[in-house]
Full PDB file with SEQRES, HELIX, SHEET, SSBOND, CRYST1, ORIGX, SCALE, CONECT and MASTER records, all heavy atoms in Angstrom:
SEQRES   1 A   30  PRO GLY ARG ALA ILE VAL LEU LYS GLY TRP GLY ALA PHE          
SEQRES   2 A   30  VAL LEU GLN PRO ILE ASP GLU LYS THR THR ARG LEU ILE          
SEQRES   3 A   30  ILE ARG SER GLN                                              
SHEET    1 AA1 3 ALA A   4  LEU A   7  0                                        
SHEET    2 AA1 3 GLY A  11  ASP A  19 -1                                        
SHEET    3 AA1 3 THR A  22  SER A  29 -1                                        
CRYST1    1.000    1.000    1.000  90.00  90.00  90.00 P 1           1          
ORIGX1      1.000000  0.000000  0.000000        0.00000                         
ORIGX2      0.000000  1.000000  0.000000        0.00000                         
ORIGX3      0.000000  0.000000  1.000000        0.00000                         
SCALE1      1.000000  0.000000  0.000000        0.00000                         
SCALE2      0.000000  1.000000  0.000000        0.00000                         
SCALE3      0.000000  0.000000  1.000000        0.00000                         
ATOM      1  N   PRO A   1      -1.249  -9.451  -4.416  1.00  0.00           N  
ATOM      2  CA  PRO A   1       0.015  -9.953  -3.854  1.00  0.00           C  
ATOM      3  C   PRO A   1       1.206  -9.050  -4.174  1.00  0.00           C  
ATOM      4  O   PRO A   1       1.426  -8.648  -5.313  1.00  0.00           O  
ATOM      5  CB  PRO A   1       0.158 -11.323  -4.518  1.00  0.00           C  
ATOM      6  CG  PRO A   1      -1.252 -11.751  -4.782  1.00  0.00           C  
ATOM      7  CD  PRO A   1      -1.968 -10.488  -5.163  1.00  0.00           C  
ATOM      8  N   GLY A   2       1.938  -8.709  -3.109  1.00  0.00           N  
ATOM      9  CA  GLY A   2       3.099  -7.861  -3.259  1.00  0.00           C  
ATOM     10  C   GLY A   2       2.806  -6.400  -3.478  1.00  0.00           C  
ATOM     11  O   GLY A   2       3.726  -5.581  -3.605  1.00  0.00           O  
ATOM     12  N   ARG A   3       1.520  -6.059  -3.470  1.00  0.00           N  
ATOM     13  CA  ARG A   3       1.121  -4.703  -3.862  1.00  0.00           C  
ATOM     14  C   ARG A   3       0.162  -4.019  -2.884  1.00  0.00           C  
ATOM     15  O   ARG A   3       0.393  -2.881  -2.486  1.00  0.00           O  
ATOM     16  CB  ARG A   3       0.473  -4.792  -5.249  1.00  0.00           C  
ATOM     17  CG  ARG A   3      -0.317  -3.596  -5.688  1.00  0.00           C  
ATOM     18  CD  ARG A   3       0.534  -2.543  -6.278  1.00  0.00           C  
ATOM     19  NE  ARG A   3      -0.293  -1.447  -6.801  1.00  0.00           N  
ATOM     20  CZ  ARG A   3       0.200  -0.347  -7.341  1.00  0.00           C  
ATOM     21  NH1 ARG A   3       1.510  -0.204  -7.435  1.00  0.00           N  
ATOM     22  NH2 ARG A   3      -0.585   0.595  -7.782  1.00  0.00           N  
ATOM     23  N   ALA A   4      -0.922  -4.712  -2.485  1.00  0.00           N  
ATOM     24  CA  ALA A   4      -1.926  -4.030  -1.680  1.00  0.00           C  
ATOM     25  C   ALA A   4      -2.749  -4.999  -0.840  1.00  0.00           C  
ATOM     26  O   ALA A   4      -3.002  -6.139  -1.246  1.00  0.00           O  
ATOM     27  CB  ALA A   4      -2.862  -3.213  -2.562  1.00  0.00           C  
ATOM     28  N   ILE A   5      -3.160  -4.520   0.331  1.00  0.00           N  
ATOM     29  CA  ILE A   5      -4.095  -5.223   1.204  1.00  0.00           C  
ATOM     30  C   ILE A   5      -5.180  -4.235   1.590  1.00  0.00           C  
ATOM     31  O   ILE A   5      -4.888  -3.106   1.998  1.00  0.00           O  
ATOM     32  CB  ILE A   5      -3.406  -5.750   2.480  1.00  0.00           C  
ATOM     33  CG1 ILE A   5      -2.320  -6.774   2.128  1.00  0.00           C  
ATOM     34  CG2 ILE A   5      -4.430  -6.363   3.438  1.00  0.00           C  
ATOM     35  CD1 ILE A   5      -1.497  -7.213   3.334  1.00  0.00           C  
ATOM     36  N   VAL A   6      -6.433  -4.658   1.470  1.00  0.00           N  
ATOM     37  CA  VAL A   6      -7.557  -3.814   1.879  1.00  0.00           C  
ATOM     38  C   VAL A   6      -8.262  -4.485   3.045  1.00  0.00           C  
ATOM     39  O   VAL A   6      -8.669  -5.643   2.950  1.00  0.00           O  
ATOM     40  CB  VAL A   6      -8.560  -3.605   0.728  1.00  0.00           C  
ATOM     41  CG1 VAL A   6      -9.728  -2.736   1.195  1.00  0.00           C  
ATOM     42  CG2 VAL A   6      -7.871  -2.965  -0.473  1.00  0.00           C  
ATOM     43  N   LEU A   7      -8.380  -3.756   4.151  1.00  0.00           N  
ATOM     44  CA  LEU A   7      -9.087  -4.240   5.330  1.00  0.00           C  
ATOM     45  C   LEU A   7     -10.420  -3.507   5.439  1.00  0.00           C  
ATOM     46  O   LEU A   7     -10.441  -2.274   5.526  1.00  0.00           O  
ATOM     47  CB  LEU A   7      -8.252  -4.016   6.593  1.00  0.00           C  
ATOM     48  CG  LEU A   7      -6.881  -4.701   6.633  1.00  0.00           C  
ATOM     49  CD1 LEU A   7      -6.177  -4.397   7.947  1.00  0.00           C  
ATOM     50  CD2 LEU A   7      -7.015  -6.203   6.444  1.00  0.00           C  
ATOM     51  N   LYS A   8     -11.500  -4.252   5.427  1.00  0.00           N  
ATOM     52  CA  LYS A   8     -12.823  -3.649   5.511  1.00  0.00           C  
ATOM     53  C   LYS A   8     -12.978  -2.953   6.867  1.00  0.00           C  
ATOM     54  O   LYS A   8     -12.707  -3.531   7.913  1.00  0.00           O  
ATOM     55  CB  LYS A   8     -13.882  -4.735   5.355  1.00  0.00           C  
ATOM     56  CG  LYS A   8     -15.305  -4.228   5.201  1.00  0.00           C  
ATOM     57  CD  LYS A   8     -16.279  -5.378   5.025  1.00  0.00           C  
ATOM     58  CE  LYS A   8     -15.996  -6.167   3.769  1.00  0.00           C  
ATOM     59  NZ  LYS A   8     -17.001  -7.245   3.549  1.00  0.00           N  
ATOM     60  N   GLY A   9     -13.405  -1.701   6.824  1.00  0.00           N  
ATOM     61  CA  GLY A   9     -13.545  -0.941   8.055  1.00  0.00           C  
ATOM     62  C   GLY A   9     -12.289  -0.185   8.429  1.00  0.00           C  
ATOM     63  O   GLY A   9     -12.285   0.584   9.398  1.00  0.00           O  
ATOM     64  N   TRP A  10     -11.214  -0.385   7.680  1.00  0.00           N  
ATOM     65  CA  TRP A  10      -9.980   0.366   7.924  1.00  0.00           C  
ATOM     66  C   TRP A  10      -9.579   1.111   6.663  1.00  0.00           C  
ATOM     67  O   TRP A  10      -9.630   2.324   6.602  1.00  0.00           O  
ATOM     68  CB  TRP A  10      -8.868  -0.578   8.369  1.00  0.00           C  
ATOM     69  CG  TRP A  10      -7.578   0.104   8.775  1.00  0.00           C  
ATOM     70  CD1 TRP A  10      -7.078   1.293   8.300  1.00  0.00           C  
ATOM     71  CD2 TRP A  10      -6.636  -0.360   9.740  1.00  0.00           C  
ATOM     72  NE1 TRP A  10      -5.873   1.588   8.894  1.00  0.00           N  
ATOM     73  CE2 TRP A  10      -5.588   0.590   9.794  1.00  0.00           C  
ATOM     74  CE3 TRP A  10      -6.569  -1.490  10.564  1.00  0.00           C  
ATOM     75  CZ2 TRP A  10      -4.478   0.438  10.641  1.00  0.00           C  
ATOM     76  CZ3 TRP A  10      -5.478  -1.641  11.405  1.00  0.00           C  
ATOM     77  CH2 TRP A  10      -4.444  -0.682  11.440  1.00  0.00           C  
ATOM     78  N   GLY A  11      -9.171   0.359   5.639  1.00  0.00           N  
ATOM     79  CA  GLY A  11      -8.758   0.989   4.397  1.00  0.00           C  
ATOM     80  C   GLY A  11      -7.712   0.165   3.682  1.00  0.00           C  
ATOM     81  O   GLY A  11      -7.603  -1.046   3.885  1.00  0.00           O  
ATOM     82  N   ALA A  12      -6.918   0.839   2.855  1.00  0.00           N  
ATOM     83  CA  ALA A  12      -5.965   0.161   1.983  1.00  0.00           C  
ATOM     84  C   ALA A  12      -4.527   0.441   2.394  1.00  0.00           C  
ATOM     85  O   ALA A  12      -4.172   1.569   2.758  1.00  0.00           O  
ATOM     86  CB  ALA A  12      -6.179   0.597   0.540  1.00  0.00           C  
ATOM     87  N   PHE A  13      -3.702  -0.594   2.311  1.00  0.00           N  
ATOM     88  CA  PHE A  13      -2.257  -0.513   2.493  1.00  0.00           C  
ATOM     89  C   PHE A  13      -1.648  -0.813   1.131  1.00  0.00           C  
ATOM     90  O   PHE A  13      -1.758  -1.938   0.639  1.00  0.00           O  
ATOM     91  CB  PHE A  13      -1.774  -1.532   3.523  1.00  0.00           C  
ATOM     92  CG  PHE A  13      -2.335  -1.321   4.900  1.00  0.00           C  
ATOM     93  CD1 PHE A  13      -3.657  -1.641   5.189  1.00  0.00           C  
ATOM     94  CD2 PHE A  13      -1.537  -0.799   5.907  1.00  0.00           C  
ATOM     95  CE1 PHE A  13      -4.180  -1.442   6.468  1.00  0.00           C  
ATOM     96  CE2 PHE A  13      -2.044  -0.597   7.179  1.00  0.00           C  
ATOM     97  CZ  PHE A  13      -3.376  -0.921   7.460  1.00  0.00           C  
ATOM     98  N   VAL A  14      -1.033   0.184   0.519  1.00  0.00           N  
ATOM     99  CA  VAL A  14      -0.600   0.072  -0.875  1.00  0.00           C  
ATOM    100  C   VAL A  14       0.899   0.330  -0.991  1.00  0.00           C  
ATOM    101  O   VAL A  14       1.424   1.286  -0.404  1.00  0.00           O  
ATOM    102  CB  VAL A  14      -1.373   1.061  -1.772  1.00  0.00           C  
ATOM    103  CG1 VAL A  14      -0.904   0.962  -3.216  1.00  0.00           C  
ATOM    104  CG2 VAL A  14      -2.880   0.802  -1.670  1.00  0.00           C  
ATOM    105  N   LEU A  15       1.568  -0.511  -1.766  1.00  0.00           N  
ATOM    106  CA  LEU A  15       2.987  -0.329  -2.064  1.00  0.00           C  
ATOM    107  C   LEU A  15       3.132   0.133  -3.505  1.00  0.00           C  
ATOM    108  O   LEU A  15       2.588  -0.475  -4.424  1.00  0.00           O  
ATOM    109  CB  LEU A  15       3.747  -1.643  -1.875  1.00  0.00           C  
ATOM    110  CG  LEU A  15       3.719  -2.258  -0.472  1.00  0.00           C  
ATOM    111  CD1 LEU A  15       4.531  -3.550  -0.449  1.00  0.00           C  
ATOM    112  CD2 LEU A  15       4.238  -1.276   0.559  1.00  0.00           C  
ATOM    113  N   GLN A  16       3.881   1.228  -3.687  1.00  0.00           N  
ATOM    114  CA  GLN A  16       4.169   1.735  -5.030  1.00  0.00           C  
ATOM    115  C   GLN A  16       5.684   1.831  -5.184  1.00  0.00           C  
ATOM    116  O   GLN A  16       6.311   2.756  -4.645  1.00  0.00           O  
ATOM    117  CB  GLN A  16       3.511   3.103  -5.243  1.00  0.00           C  
ATOM    118  CG  GLN A  16       1.996   3.050  -5.291  1.00  0.00           C  
ATOM    119  CD  GLN A  16       1.359   4.389  -5.618  1.00  0.00           C  
ATOM    120  OE1 GLN A  16       2.016   5.420  -5.610  1.00  0.00           O  
ATOM    121  NE2 GLN A  16       0.071   4.384  -5.913  1.00  0.00           N  
ATOM    122  N   PRO A  17       6.285   0.869  -5.906  1.00  0.00           N  
ATOM    123  CA  PRO A  17       7.742   0.912  -6.099  1.00  0.00           C  
ATOM    124  C   PRO A  17       8.169   2.163  -6.856  1.00  0.00           C  
ATOM    125  O   PRO A  17       7.544   2.547  -7.844  1.00  0.00           O  
ATOM    126  CB  PRO A  17       8.013  -0.351  -6.915  1.00  0.00           C  
ATOM    127  CG  PRO A  17       6.836  -1.251  -6.665  1.00  0.00           C  
ATOM    128  CD  PRO A  17       5.671  -0.327  -6.499  1.00  0.00           C  
ATOM    129  N   ILE A  18       9.226   2.794  -6.369  1.00  0.00           N  
ATOM    130  CA  ILE A  18       9.822   3.931  -7.061  1.00  0.00           C  
ATOM    131  C   ILE A  18      10.943   3.435  -7.963  1.00  0.00           C  
ATOM    132  O   ILE A  18      11.055   3.843  -9.115  1.00  0.00           O  
ATOM    133  CB  ILE A  18      10.360   4.960  -6.048  1.00  0.00           C  
ATOM    134  CG1 ILE A  18       9.204   5.534  -5.228  1.00  0.00           C  
ATOM    135  CG2 ILE A  18      11.105   6.085  -6.765  1.00  0.00           C  
ATOM    136  CD1 ILE A  18       9.636   6.470  -4.129  1.00  0.00           C  
ATOM    137  N   ASP A  19      11.767   2.566  -7.421  1.00  0.00           N  
ATOM    138  CA  ASP A  19      12.806   1.898  -8.187  1.00  0.00           C  
ATOM    139  C   ASP A  19      13.113   0.587  -7.478  1.00  0.00           C  
ATOM    140  O   ASP A  19      12.339   0.156  -6.610  1.00  0.00           O  
ATOM    141  CB  ASP A  19      14.064   2.775  -8.329  1.00  0.00           C  
ATOM    142  CG  ASP A  19      14.583   3.289  -6.991  1.00  0.00           C  
ATOM    143  OD1 ASP A  19      14.569   2.518  -6.004  1.00  0.00           O  
ATOM    144  OD2 ASP A  19      15.008   4.453  -6.912  1.00  0.00           O  
ATOM    145  N   GLU A  20      14.214  -0.050  -7.823  1.00  0.00           N  
ATOM    146  CA  GLU A  20      14.521  -1.358  -7.253  1.00  0.00           C  
ATOM    147  C   GLU A  20      14.861  -1.306  -5.766  1.00  0.00           C  
ATOM    148  O   GLU A  20      14.832  -2.327  -5.087  1.00  0.00           O  
ATOM    149  CB  GLU A  20      15.686  -1.998  -8.017  1.00  0.00           C  
ATOM    150  CG  GLU A  20      15.351  -2.354  -9.459  1.00  0.00           C  
ATOM    151  CD  GLU A  20      16.519  -3.018 -10.163  1.00  0.00           C  
ATOM    152  OE1 GLU A  20      17.604  -3.105  -9.556  1.00  0.00           O  
ATOM    153  OE2 GLU A  20      16.326  -3.466 -11.308  1.00  0.00           O  
ATOM    154  N   LYS A  21      15.165  -0.115  -5.263  1.00  0.00           N  
ATOM    155  CA  LYS A  21      15.596  -0.006  -3.863  1.00  0.00           C  
ATOM    156  C   LYS A  21      14.695   0.891  -3.020  1.00  0.00           C  
ATOM    157  O   LYS A  21      14.962   1.063  -1.830  1.00  0.00           O  
ATOM    158  CB  LYS A  21      17.033   0.532  -3.804  1.00  0.00           C  
ATOM    159  CG  LYS A  21      18.064  -0.366  -4.464  1.00  0.00           C  
ATOM    160  CD  LYS A  21      19.453   0.248  -4.351  1.00  0.00           C  
ATOM    161  CE  LYS A  21      20.505  -0.644  -5.013  1.00  0.00           C  
ATOM    162  NZ  LYS A  21      21.870  -0.029  -4.903  1.00  0.00           N  
ATOM    163  N   THR A  22      13.640   1.436  -3.607  1.00  0.00           N  
ATOM    164  CA  THR A  22      12.819   2.417  -2.893  1.00  0.00           C  
ATOM    165  C   THR A  22      11.338   2.177  -3.164  1.00  0.00           C  
ATOM    166  O   THR A  22      10.952   1.877  -4.296  1.00  0.00           O  
ATOM    167  CB  THR A  22      13.178   3.852  -3.324  1.00  0.00           C  
ATOM    168  OG1 THR A  22      14.601   3.997  -3.395  1.00  0.00           O  
ATOM    169  CG2 THR A  22      12.619   4.869  -2.340  1.00  0.00           C  
ATOM    170  N   THR A  23      10.535   2.328  -2.108  1.00  0.00           N  
ATOM    171  CA  THR A  23       9.104   2.061  -2.212  1.00  0.00           C  
ATOM    172  C   THR A  23       8.311   3.116  -1.460  1.00  0.00           C  
ATOM    173  O   THR A  23       8.725   3.563  -0.390  1.00  0.00           O  
ATOM    174  CB  THR A  23       8.774   0.672  -1.605  1.00  0.00           C  
ATOM    175  OG1 THR A  23       9.588  -0.329  -2.213  1.00  0.00           O  
ATOM    176  CG2 THR A  23       7.309   0.318  -1.806  1.00  0.00           C  
ATOM    177  N   ARG A  24       7.179   3.495  -2.025  1.00  0.00           N  
ATOM    178  CA  ARG A  24       6.236   4.339  -1.298  1.00  0.00           C  
ATOM    179  C   ARG A  24       5.200   3.424  -0.634  1.00  0.00           C  
ATOM    180  O   ARG A  24       4.587   2.574  -1.290  1.00  0.00           O  
ATOM    181  CB  ARG A  24       5.531   5.303  -2.238  1.00  0.00           C  
ATOM    182  CG  ARG A  24       6.393   6.434  -2.716  1.00  0.00           C  
ATOM    183  CD  ARG A  24       6.711   7.437  -1.631  1.00  0.00           C  
ATOM    184  NE  ARG A  24       5.600   8.358  -1.373  1.00  0.00           N  
ATOM    185  CZ  ARG A  24       5.596   9.244  -0.387  1.00  0.00           C  
ATOM    186  NH1 ARG A  24       6.618   9.309   0.460  1.00  0.00           N  
ATOM    187  NH2 ARG A  24       4.578  10.059  -0.233  1.00  0.00           N  
ATOM    188  N   LEU A  25       5.022   3.607   0.670  1.00  0.00           N  
ATOM    189  CA  LEU A  25       3.975   2.908   1.405  1.00  0.00           C  
ATOM    190  C   LEU A  25       2.872   3.912   1.694  1.00  0.00           C  
ATOM    191  O   LEU A  25       3.096   4.931   2.340  1.00  0.00           O  
ATOM    192  CB  LEU A  25       4.534   2.329   2.707  1.00  0.00           C  
ATOM    193  CG  LEU A  25       3.510   1.801   3.727  1.00  0.00           C  
ATOM    194  CD1 LEU A  25       2.624   0.721   3.119  1.00  0.00           C  
ATOM    195  CD2 LEU A  25       4.221   1.299   4.973  1.00  0.00           C  
ATOM    196  N   ILE A  26       1.677   3.615   1.193  1.00  0.00           N  
ATOM    197  CA  ILE A  26       0.533   4.517   1.336  1.00  0.00           C  
ATOM    198  C   ILE A  26      -0.566   3.791   2.117  1.00  0.00           C  
ATOM    199  O   ILE A  26      -0.898   2.641   1.812  1.00  0.00           O  
ATOM    200  CB  ILE A  26      -0.025   4.942  -0.031  1.00  0.00           C  
ATOM    201  CG1 ILE A  26       1.087   5.564  -0.894  1.00  0.00           C  
ATOM    202  CG2 ILE A  26      -1.184   5.917   0.118  1.00  0.00           C  
ATOM    203  CD1 ILE A  26       0.694   5.754  -2.345  1.00  0.00           C  
ATOM    204  N   ILE A  27      -1.107   4.469   3.114  1.00  0.00           N  
ATOM    205  CA  ILE A  27      -2.258   3.940   3.839  1.00  0.00           C  
ATOM    206  C   ILE A  27      -3.405   4.923   3.676  1.00  0.00           C  
ATOM    207  O   ILE A  27      -3.293   6.086   4.041  1.00  0.00           O  
ATOM    208  CB  ILE A  27      -1.975   3.746   5.342  1.00  0.00           C  
ATOM    209  CG1 ILE A  27      -0.754   2.850   5.553  1.00  0.00           C  
ATOM    210  CG2 ILE A  27      -3.202   3.143   6.029  1.00  0.00           C  
ATOM    211  CD1 ILE A  27      -0.415   2.636   7.022  1.00  0.00           C  
ATOM    212  N   ARG A  28      -4.483   4.451   3.088  1.00  0.00           N  
ATOM    213  CA  ARG A  28      -5.689   5.283   2.981  1.00  0.00           C  
ATOM    214  C   ARG A  28      -6.761   4.695   3.889  1.00  0.00           C  
ATOM    215  O   ARG A  28      -7.202   3.565   3.700  1.00  0.00           O  
ATOM    216  CB  ARG A  28      -6.208   5.365   1.559  1.00  0.00           C  
ATOM    217  CG  ARG A  28      -7.561   6.094   1.472  1.00  0.00           C  
ATOM    218  CD  ARG A  28      -7.908   6.483   0.069  1.00  0.00           C  
ATOM    219  NE  ARG A  28      -6.980   7.490  -0.427  1.00  0.00           N  
ATOM    220  CZ  ARG A  28      -6.806   7.760  -1.729  1.00  0.00           C  
ATOM    221  NH1 ARG A  28      -7.482   7.089  -2.637  1.00  0.00           N  
ATOM    222  NH2 ARG A  28      -5.952   8.692  -2.098  1.00  0.00           N  
ATOM    223  N   SER A  29      -7.156   5.490   4.862  1.00  0.00           N  
ATOM    224  CA  SER A  29      -8.192   5.075   5.802  1.00  0.00           C  
ATOM    225  C   SER A  29      -9.426   5.916   5.567  1.00  0.00           C  
ATOM    226  O   SER A  29      -9.337   7.134   5.398  1.00  0.00           O  
ATOM    227  CB  SER A  29      -7.701   5.267   7.244  1.00  0.00           C  
ATOM    228  OG  SER A  29      -6.461   4.626   7.438  1.00  0.00           O  
ATOM    229  N   GLN A  30     -10.579   5.274   5.566  1.00  0.00           N  
ATOM    230  CA  GLN A  30     -11.812   6.016   5.351  1.00  0.00           C  
ATOM    231  C   GLN A  30     -12.970   5.287   6.017  1.00  0.00           C  
ATOM    232  O   GLN A  30     -12.970   4.074   6.141  1.00  0.00           O  
ATOM    233  CB  GLN A  30     -12.088   6.245   3.875  1.00  0.00           C  
ATOM    234  CG  GLN A  30     -11.833   5.077   2.970  1.00  0.00           C  
ATOM    235  CD  GLN A  30     -11.755   5.515   1.515  1.00  0.00           C  
ATOM    236  OE1 GLN A  30     -11.821   6.694   1.177  1.00  0.00           O  
ATOM    237  NE2 GLN A  30     -11.614   4.566   0.623  1.00  0.00           N  
TER     238      GLN A  30                                                      
MASTER        0    0    0    0    3    0    0    6  237    1    0    3          
END                                                                             
């Protein structure tokens, strides 16, 4: 919750907070 969702057959959607106002959104598909 608030961090990551993994979809089978697609991959991961991951949030990595940088600070209180900035976030890295990473999608890894495989």
